[in-house]
Structure formats: C-alpha cells, structure tokens
C-alpha cells in the first residue's frame, strides 16, 4: 500500500505543452513527440521497448 508521503507529484498537462523526458502515468518515459495533422504520436519507453501511442489533439495527459 502506498502512503500519501510516498506518492509522486501528479500533473495534468495539455498534449500540446508536453515535452520529452516526462514520465506519463502508467505508460512510461516520453522519448519523442510528433505532431500530425489529426493527432499527436508519442514514442514512449515502456518495458525496455519503444512504443507509439496516438492521442487526439485535445487530450490532457497525466504526468508524474
């Protein structure tokens, strides 16, 4: 069980303001971000692999 003094700082960030190096809650570290005409493609390091996740442009992400 996590104690309240052990919880990481949680932030909500609009996807257009996100930067490489942040850790996305339950996903992993953001390595790269690519803006496309209809979405943002995020390349995330997850389980020692690079994975691509696509998000709509109006998305708010949770970072830790």
N, C-alpha and C. Protein backbone atom coordinates (compact mmCIF):
# COMPACT_ATOMS: atom_id res chain seq x y z
N UNK A 1 0.84 -1.17 0.00
CA UNK A 1 0.00 0.00 0.00
C UNK A 1 0.89 1.24 0.00
N UNK A 2 0.54 2.22 -0.85
CA UNK A 2 1.29 3.47 -0.90
C UNK A 2 0.83 4.41 0.20
N UNK A 3 1.76 5.02 0.85
CA UNK A 3 1.44 6.04 1.84
C UNK A 3 1.42 7.40 1.16
N UNK A 4 0.64 8.31 1.65
CA UNK A 4 0.48 9.60 1.00
C UNK A 4 1.80 10.36 0.86
N UNK A 5 2.74 10.15 1.77
CA UNK A 5 4.01 10.86 1.65
C UNK A 5 4.96 10.20 0.65
N UNK A 6 4.58 9.06 0.08
CA UNK A 6 5.39 8.37 -0.91
C UNK A 6 4.86 8.54 -2.33
N UNK A 7 3.75 9.24 -2.49
CA UNK A 7 3.16 9.40 -3.81
C UNK A 7 3.94 10.40 -4.64
N UNK A 8 4.11 10.10 -5.96
CA UNK A 8 4.80 11.06 -6.81
C UNK A 8 3.90 12.27 -7.08
N UNK A 9 4.52 13.38 -7.47
CA UNK A 9 3.75 14.57 -7.83
C UNK A 9 3.04 14.30 -9.15
N UNK A 10 1.76 14.54 -9.18
CA UNK A 10 0.94 14.28 -10.36
C UNK A 10 0.56 15.61 -11.00
N UNK A 11 0.72 15.71 -12.32
CA UNK A 11 0.37 16.91 -13.07
C UNK A 11 -0.51 16.54 -14.25
N UNK A 12 -1.40 17.42 -14.61
CA UNK A 12 -2.19 17.27 -15.83
C UNK A 12 -1.68 18.31 -16.81
N UNK A 13 -1.30 17.86 -18.01
CA UNK A 13 -0.69 18.74 -19.00
C UNK A 13 -1.38 18.53 -20.34
N UNK A 14 -1.76 19.65 -20.99
CA UNK A 14 -2.33 19.53 -22.34
C UNK A 14 -1.26 18.97 -23.26
N UNK A 15 -1.66 18.11 -24.16
CA UNK A 15 -0.70 17.41 -25.02
C UNK A 15 0.16 18.36 -25.84
N UNK A 16 -0.35 19.53 -26.18
CA UNK A 16 0.45 20.47 -26.96
C UNK A 16 1.60 21.08 -26.15
N UNK A 17 1.55 20.94 -24.82
CA UNK A 17 2.58 21.51 -23.94
C UNK A 17 3.54 20.45 -23.39
N UNK A 18 3.35 19.19 -23.75
CA UNK A 18 4.15 18.10 -23.21
C UNK A 18 5.56 18.13 -23.82
N UNK A 19 6.55 17.69 -23.07
CA UNK A 19 7.94 17.69 -23.53
C UNK A 19 8.58 16.33 -23.31
N UNK A 20 9.54 16.02 -24.15
CA UNK A 20 10.29 14.77 -24.00
C UNK A 20 10.95 14.74 -22.63
N UNK A 21 11.03 13.56 -22.06
CA UNK A 21 11.68 13.38 -20.76
C UNK A 21 10.72 13.22 -19.61
N UNK A 22 9.46 13.66 -19.78
CA UNK A 22 8.49 13.48 -18.70
C UNK A 22 8.06 12.02 -18.66
N UNK A 23 7.53 11.61 -17.53
CA UNK A 23 7.01 10.25 -17.39
C UNK A 23 5.49 10.34 -17.39
N UNK A 24 4.87 9.63 -18.32
CA UNK A 24 3.41 9.60 -18.40
C UNK A 24 2.88 8.50 -17.50
N UNK A 25 1.91 8.83 -16.69
CA UNK A 25 1.36 7.89 -15.72
C UNK A 25 0.93 6.60 -16.42
N UNK A 26 1.38 5.50 -15.89
CA UNK A 26 1.04 4.15 -16.36
C UNK A 26 1.51 3.84 -17.78
N UNK A 27 2.32 4.70 -18.38
CA UNK A 27 2.84 4.41 -19.71
C UNK A 27 4.36 4.32 -19.71
N UNK A 28 5.03 5.37 -19.30
CA UNK A 28 6.49 5.36 -19.28
C UNK A 28 7.05 6.70 -19.68
N UNK A 29 8.37 6.73 -19.91
CA UNK A 29 9.05 7.98 -20.25
C UNK A 29 8.79 8.36 -21.70
N UNK A 30 8.45 9.62 -21.92
CA UNK A 30 8.23 10.15 -23.26
C UNK A 30 9.57 10.44 -23.91
N UNK A 31 9.85 9.76 -25.03
CA UNK A 31 11.11 9.94 -25.73
C UNK A 31 11.00 10.99 -26.83
N UNK A 32 9.92 10.93 -27.59
CA UNK A 32 9.72 11.84 -28.72
C UNK A 32 8.24 12.12 -28.87
N UNK A 33 7.93 13.26 -29.49
CA UNK A 33 6.55 13.60 -29.80
C UNK A 33 6.50 14.15 -31.22
N UNK A 34 5.53 13.70 -31.98
CA UNK A 34 5.38 14.13 -33.36
C UNK A 34 3.96 14.65 -33.56
N UNK A 35 3.85 15.89 -34.00
CA UNK A 35 2.52 16.44 -34.29
C UNK A 35 2.15 16.08 -35.71
N UNK A 36 1.00 15.46 -35.87
CA UNK A 36 0.46 15.12 -37.18
C UNK A 36 -0.78 15.97 -37.43
N UNK A 37 -1.32 15.90 -38.60
CA UNK A 37 -2.47 16.75 -38.92
C UNK A 37 -3.69 16.44 -38.06
N UNK A 38 -3.86 15.19 -37.66
CA UNK A 38 -5.06 14.80 -36.91
C UNK A 38 -4.80 14.35 -35.48
N UNK A 39 -3.52 14.22 -35.10
CA UNK A 39 -3.21 13.71 -33.76
C UNK A 39 -1.77 14.00 -33.40
N UNK A 40 -1.40 13.61 -32.18
CA UNK A 40 0.00 13.60 -31.75
C UNK A 40 0.40 12.14 -31.61
N UNK A 41 1.58 11.80 -32.09
CA UNK A 41 2.13 10.46 -31.91
C UNK A 41 3.26 10.57 -30.88
N UNK A 42 3.13 9.83 -29.80
CA UNK A 42 4.12 9.85 -28.72
C UNK A 42 4.90 8.55 -28.73
N UNK A 43 6.22 8.66 -28.75
CA UNK A 43 7.08 7.49 -28.66
C UNK A 43 7.52 7.39 -27.20
N UNK A 44 7.16 6.28 -26.59
CA UNK A 44 7.34 6.10 -25.15
C UNK A 44 8.20 4.86 -24.90
N UNK A 45 9.09 4.97 -23.92
CA UNK A 45 9.88 3.83 -23.49
C UNK A 45 9.05 3.06 -22.46
N UNK A 46 8.65 1.87 -22.84
CA UNK A 46 7.81 1.04 -21.96
C UNK A 46 8.33 -0.38 -21.99
N UNK A 47 8.67 -0.92 -20.84
CA UNK A 47 9.17 -2.29 -20.71
C UNK A 47 10.37 -2.52 -21.63
N UNK A 48 11.29 -1.52 -21.63
CA UNK A 48 12.53 -1.58 -22.41
C UNK A 48 12.29 -1.66 -23.92
N UNK A 49 11.17 -1.16 -24.38
CA UNK A 49 10.85 -1.10 -25.80
C UNK A 49 10.31 0.28 -26.12
N UNK A 50 10.49 0.70 -27.38
CA UNK A 50 9.86 1.93 -27.84
C UNK A 50 8.48 1.58 -28.37
N UNK A 51 7.48 2.28 -27.88
CA UNK A 51 6.11 2.05 -28.32
C UNK A 51 5.49 3.38 -28.73
N UNK A 52 4.64 3.35 -29.74
CA UNK A 52 3.99 4.55 -30.24
C UNK A 52 2.54 4.55 -29.79
N UNK A 53 2.13 5.67 -29.20
CA UNK A 53 0.75 5.88 -28.79
C UNK A 53 0.25 7.13 -29.49
N UNK A 54 -0.95 7.07 -30.05
CA UNK A 54 -1.54 8.22 -30.73
C UNK A 54 -2.65 8.79 -29.85
N UNK A 55 -2.68 10.14 -29.78
CA UNK A 55 -3.69 10.82 -28.98
C UNK A 55 -4.31 11.94 -29.80
N UNK A 56 -5.60 12.17 -29.60
CA UNK A 56 -6.26 13.30 -30.25
C UNK A 56 -5.65 14.59 -29.75
N UNK A 57 -5.78 15.64 -30.54
CA UNK A 57 -5.13 16.91 -30.21
C UNK A 57 -5.70 17.63 -29.00
N UNK A 58 -6.88 17.26 -28.53
CA UNK A 58 -7.46 17.93 -27.37
C UNK A 58 -7.24 17.14 -26.07
N UNK A 59 -6.32 16.20 -26.06
CA UNK A 59 -6.08 15.32 -24.92
C UNK A 59 -5.28 16.01 -23.82
N UNK A 60 -5.64 15.71 -22.59
CA UNK A 60 -4.86 16.12 -21.42
C UNK A 60 -4.22 14.85 -20.87
N UNK A 61 -2.91 14.92 -20.64
CA UNK A 61 -2.15 13.75 -20.16
C UNK A 61 -1.78 13.94 -18.69
N UNK A 62 -1.63 12.83 -17.98
CA UNK A 62 -1.23 12.85 -16.58
C UNK A 62 0.25 12.46 -16.52
N UNK A 63 1.06 13.34 -15.93
CA UNK A 63 2.49 13.07 -15.79
C UNK A 63 2.83 12.90 -14.31
N UNK A 64 3.91 12.17 -14.08
CA UNK A 64 4.39 12.01 -12.70
C UNK A 64 5.86 12.35 -12.65
